[in-house]
Amino acid sequence: MKSEDENMELQKEAPNLAAINKQNTFKTPDGYFESLNEQIVNQVNIIDALDHQNEFDVPAGYFENLEQQVQSAIYLEDIKAQNTVTKDFDVPVGYFADAEKRIKNSITTKPKKSNIIQLYFVRYAAAACILLTTSLGVYINIKHSTSVDYQLSKIPAKEIEIYLNQHTDASDLPMLMESIDEDANLDLDDFELENTIK
């Protein structure tokens, strides 16, 4: 219904436009798309040819020196023809007669002794050295880190002093005196010593 109303309005307002037949007037000629690629390539070739018009110019003085260039080329050809048979690739005299003997001599020579056994010994010796040094290092490190002296050296002196203040009494004094080096510098007064022991 709607399209009929629009058609009637169009006939009232623009009778000439409404009278035009409703067909697609834009048609392509037969075979247009089949020959389109060839036409485009031809147009590109024409444009390239127009751009390169002066590519075939003769260099300056070309014809004045042409006779001399042709004579030089002929002379070079003659020289090449004379030197085609050279002795560079000639076979030495008696080469094939002695070839069999030389090949047999090279095959029958004693093979060289290989140093595989010695190389294996060096490899095993190097591996043993590495294993020994690694094991020794680990053993010394474990022995050193588990010793009492090492573990006590990790404890700060202040903590040792606090522990001794809290856990010692008068009976521990002779044992402490025995474990102190004779060269140790002790600046303890009698008063501090009594307070420490209590």
Protein backbone atom coordinates (compact mmCIF):
# COMPACT_ATOMS: atom_id res chain seq x y z
CA MET A 1 0.00 0.00 0.00
CA LYS A 2 2.71 2.34 0.94
CA SER A 3 4.57 2.00 -2.38
CA GLU A 4 1.37 2.74 -4.34
CA ASP A 5 0.88 5.94 -2.32
CA GLU A 6 4.47 6.96 -3.01
CA ASN A 7 4.01 6.28 -6.74
CA MET A 8 0.88 8.39 -6.86
CA GLU A 9 2.61 11.24 -5.06
CA LEU A 10 5.54 11.03 -7.46
CA GLN A 11 3.19 11.17 -10.49
CA LYS A 12 1.45 14.24 -9.08
CA GLU A 13 4.62 16.14 -8.18
CA ALA A 14 6.97 15.04 -11.03
CA PRO A 15 5.07 13.48 -13.92
CA ASN A 16 8.14 13.46 -16.22
CA LEU A 17 10.28 11.62 -13.65
CA ALA A 18 7.51 9.11 -12.99
CA ALA A 19 7.21 8.42 -16.72
CA ILE A 20 10.83 7.21 -17.02
CA ASN A 21 11.08 3.45 -17.27
CA LYS A 22 12.61 1.94 -14.10
CA GLN A 23 15.51 -0.04 -15.53
CA ASN A 24 19.19 -0.22 -14.72
CA THR A 25 20.78 1.86 -17.45
CA PHE A 26 24.34 1.02 -16.34
CA LYS A 27 25.30 -2.14 -18.15
CA THR A 28 28.73 -3.49 -18.95
CA PRO A 29 29.56 -4.60 -22.46
CA ASP A 30 29.82 -8.32 -23.17
CA GLY A 31 33.24 -9.76 -22.22
CA TYR A 32 34.25 -6.60 -20.32
CA PHE A 33 35.60 -8.33 -17.24
CA GLU A 34 37.36 -11.05 -19.26
CA SER A 35 39.49 -8.47 -21.08
CA LEU A 36 39.82 -5.98 -18.18
CA ASN A 37 43.14 -7.38 -16.90
CA GLU A 38 44.73 -7.20 -20.36
CA GLN A 39 43.50 -3.62 -20.89
CA ILE A 40 44.98 -2.47 -17.57
CA VAL A 41 48.35 -4.08 -18.31
CA ASN A 42 48.41 -2.46 -21.77
CA GLN A 43 47.70 0.97 -20.26
CA VAL A 44 50.52 0.53 -17.74
CA ASN A 45 52.92 -0.54 -20.51
CA ILE A 46 52.01 2.51 -22.59
CA ILE A 47 52.66 4.83 -19.64
CA ASP A 48 56.03 3.15 -18.96
CA ALA A 49 57.00 3.45 -22.62
CA LEU A 50 56.17 7.16 -22.62
CA ASP A 51 58.26 7.68 -19.47
CA HIS A 52 61.32 5.91 -20.97
CA GLN A 53 61.42 7.49 -24.41
CA ASN A 54 65.03 8.69 -24.16
CA GLU A 55 66.60 5.48 -22.87
CA PHE A 56 68.05 4.53 -26.23
CA ASP A 57 70.11 7.65 -26.78
CA VAL A 58 73.54 7.12 -28.30
CA PRO A 59 76.43 8.26 -26.10
CA ALA A 60 78.38 11.30 -27.22
CA GLY A 61 81.17 10.42 -29.69
CA TYR A 62 79.88 6.87 -30.23
CA PHE A 63 80.09 6.88 -34.01
CA GLU A 64 83.51 8.61 -34.08
CA ASN A 65 85.05 5.75 -32.01
CA LEU A 66 83.00 2.91 -33.51
CA GLU A 67 85.63 1.81 -36.02
CA GLN A 68 88.34 1.61 -33.36
CA GLN A 69 86.03 -0.37 -30.99
CA VAL A 70 85.15 -2.89 -33.69
CA GLN A 71 88.83 -3.40 -34.59
CA SER A 72 89.71 -3.91 -30.90
CA ALA A 73 86.96 -6.52 -30.53
CA ILE A 74 88.20 -8.40 -33.61
CA TYR A 75 91.79 -8.32 -32.31
CA LEU A 76 90.68 -9.74 -28.93
CA GLU A 77 88.77 -12.54 -30.64
CA ASP A 78 91.89 -13.46 -32.62
CA ILE A 79 93.99 -13.60 -29.44
CA LYS A 80 91.40 -15.78 -27.70
CA ALA A 81 91.29 -18.15 -30.69
CA GLN A 82 95.08 -18.55 -30.64
CA ASN A 83 95.17 -19.30 -26.90
CA THR A 84 92.32 -21.79 -26.76
CA VAL A 85 94.71 -24.77 -26.67
CA THR A 86 96.69 -24.31 -23.49
CA LYS A 87 98.83 -26.69 -21.50
CA ASP A 88 97.17 -25.76 -18.18
CA PHE A 89 94.91 -28.80 -18.20
CA ASP A 90 97.27 -31.34 -19.76
CA VAL A 91 97.77 -34.63 -17.95
CA PRO A 92 101.37 -35.21 -16.81
CA VAL A 93 103.33 -37.85 -18.67
CA GLY A 94 102.85 -41.32 -17.14
CA TYR A 95 100.06 -40.15 -14.83
CA PHE A 96 97.69 -43.03 -15.51
CA ALA A 97 100.49 -45.63 -15.60
CA ASP A 98 101.58 -44.76 -12.06
CA ALA A 99 98.09 -44.03 -10.74
CA GLU A 100 97.32 -47.63 -9.77
CA LYS A 101 100.61 -48.00 -7.90
CA ARG A 102 100.12 -44.70 -6.01
CA ILE A 103 96.58 -45.62 -4.98
CA LYS A 104 97.67 -49.05 -3.72
CA ASN A 105 100.55 -47.50 -1.74
CA SER A 106 98.23 -45.03 -0.07
CA ILE A 107 95.80 -47.82 0.86
CA THR A 108 98.37 -50.32 2.16
CA THR A 109 100.17 -47.89 4.45
CA LYS A 110 99.88 -48.72 8.10
CA PRO A 111 97.17 -46.81 9.88
CA LYS A 112 98.33 -44.43 12.54
CA LYS A 113 97.83 -45.40 16.15
CA SER A 114 95.01 -43.50 17.65
CA ASN A 115 95.28 -41.77 20.97
CA ILE A 116 91.80 -42.77 22.09
CA ILE A 117 93.09 -44.69 25.11
CA GLN A 118 95.16 -41.76 26.25
CA LEU A 119 92.26 -39.37 25.74
CA TYR A 120 89.97 -41.56 27.84
CA PHE A 121 92.60 -41.63 30.60
CA VAL A 122 92.82 -37.83 30.58
CA ARG A 123 89.04 -37.51 30.72
CA TYR A 124 88.73 -39.96 33.61
CA ALA A 125 91.59 -38.30 35.46
CA ALA A 126 89.99 -34.86 35.07
CA ALA A 127 86.62 -36.19 36.26
CA ALA A 128 88.27 -37.86 39.26
CA CYS A 129 90.08 -34.63 40.21
CA ILE A 130 86.88 -32.62 40.01
CA LEU A 131 85.00 -35.20 42.08
CA LEU A 132 87.78 -35.35 44.69
CA THR A 133 88.06 -31.57 45.13
CA THR A 134 84.29 -31.16 45.33
CA SER A 135 83.94 -33.95 47.89
CA LEU A 136 86.82 -32.62 49.98
CA GLY A 137 85.35 -29.12 49.93
CA VAL A 138 81.93 -30.37 51.03
CA TYR A 139 83.50 -32.52 53.80
CA ILE A 140 85.58 -29.64 55.17
CA ASN A 141 82.64 -27.26 55.02
CA ILE A 142 80.34 -29.68 56.88
CA LYS A 143 83.02 -30.48 59.49
CA HIS A 144 83.74 -26.79 59.99
CA SER A 145 80.08 -25.76 60.22
CA THR A 146 79.20 -28.49 62.75
CA SER A 147 82.06 -27.72 65.15
CA VAL A 148 81.21 -26.13 68.50
CA ASP A 149 83.71 -23.33 68.01
CA TYR A 150 82.12 -22.36 64.69
CA GLN A 151 78.62 -22.41 66.14
CA LEU A 152 79.70 -20.37 69.17
CA SER A 153 81.42 -17.83 66.92
CA LYS A 154 78.06 -17.15 65.27
CA ILE A 155 76.52 -16.15 68.62
CA PRO A 156 77.00 -12.44 69.40
CA ALA A 157 79.14 -11.66 72.45
CA LYS A 158 76.31 -9.70 74.05
CA GLU A 159 74.05 -12.77 74.07
CA ILE A 160 76.79 -14.90 75.66
CA GLU A 161 77.26 -12.24 78.33
CA ILE A 162 73.53 -12.13 79.07
CA TYR A 163 73.36 -15.94 79.29
CA LEU A 164 76.31 -16.11 81.67
CA ASN A 165 74.79 -13.38 83.85
CA GLN A 166 71.53 -15.30 84.16
CA HIS A 167 72.77 -18.88 84.50
CA THR A 168 76.06 -18.89 86.44
CA ASP A 169 76.73 -19.09 90.14
CA ALA A 170 79.81 -19.16 92.39
CA SER A 171 80.55 -22.84 91.69
CA ASP A 172 81.01 -22.11 87.97
CA LEU A 173 83.82 -19.60 88.56
CA PRO A 174 86.75 -22.11 88.63
CA MET A 175 85.56 -23.73 85.38
CA LEU A 176 85.19 -20.34 83.68
CA MET A 177 88.66 -19.29 84.82
CA GLU A 178 90.17 -22.48 83.35
CA SER A 179 88.57 -21.90 79.93
CA ILE A 180 89.78 -18.28 79.68
CA ASP A 181 93.13 -17.80 77.94
CA GLU A 182 96.02 -16.56 80.05
CA ASP A 183 96.59 -13.73 77.61
CA ALA A 184 92.99 -12.51 77.87
CA ASN A 185 92.64 -8.98 79.15
CA LEU A 186 90.02 -9.00 81.85
CA ASP A 187 89.24 -5.65 83.38
CA LEU A 188 86.73 -6.83 85.93
CA ASP A 189 86.67 -5.29 89.35
CA ASP A 190 85.92 -7.41 92.36
CA PHE A 191 82.59 -5.66 92.63
CA GLU A 192 81.61 -6.54 89.02
CA LEU A 193 82.81 -10.12 89.52
CA GLU A 194 80.66 -10.59 92.61
CA ASN A 195 77.62 -9.07 90.87
CA THR A 196 78.16 -11.24 87.81
CA ILE A 197 78.32 -14.46 89.85
CA LYS A 198 75.21 -13.69 91.88
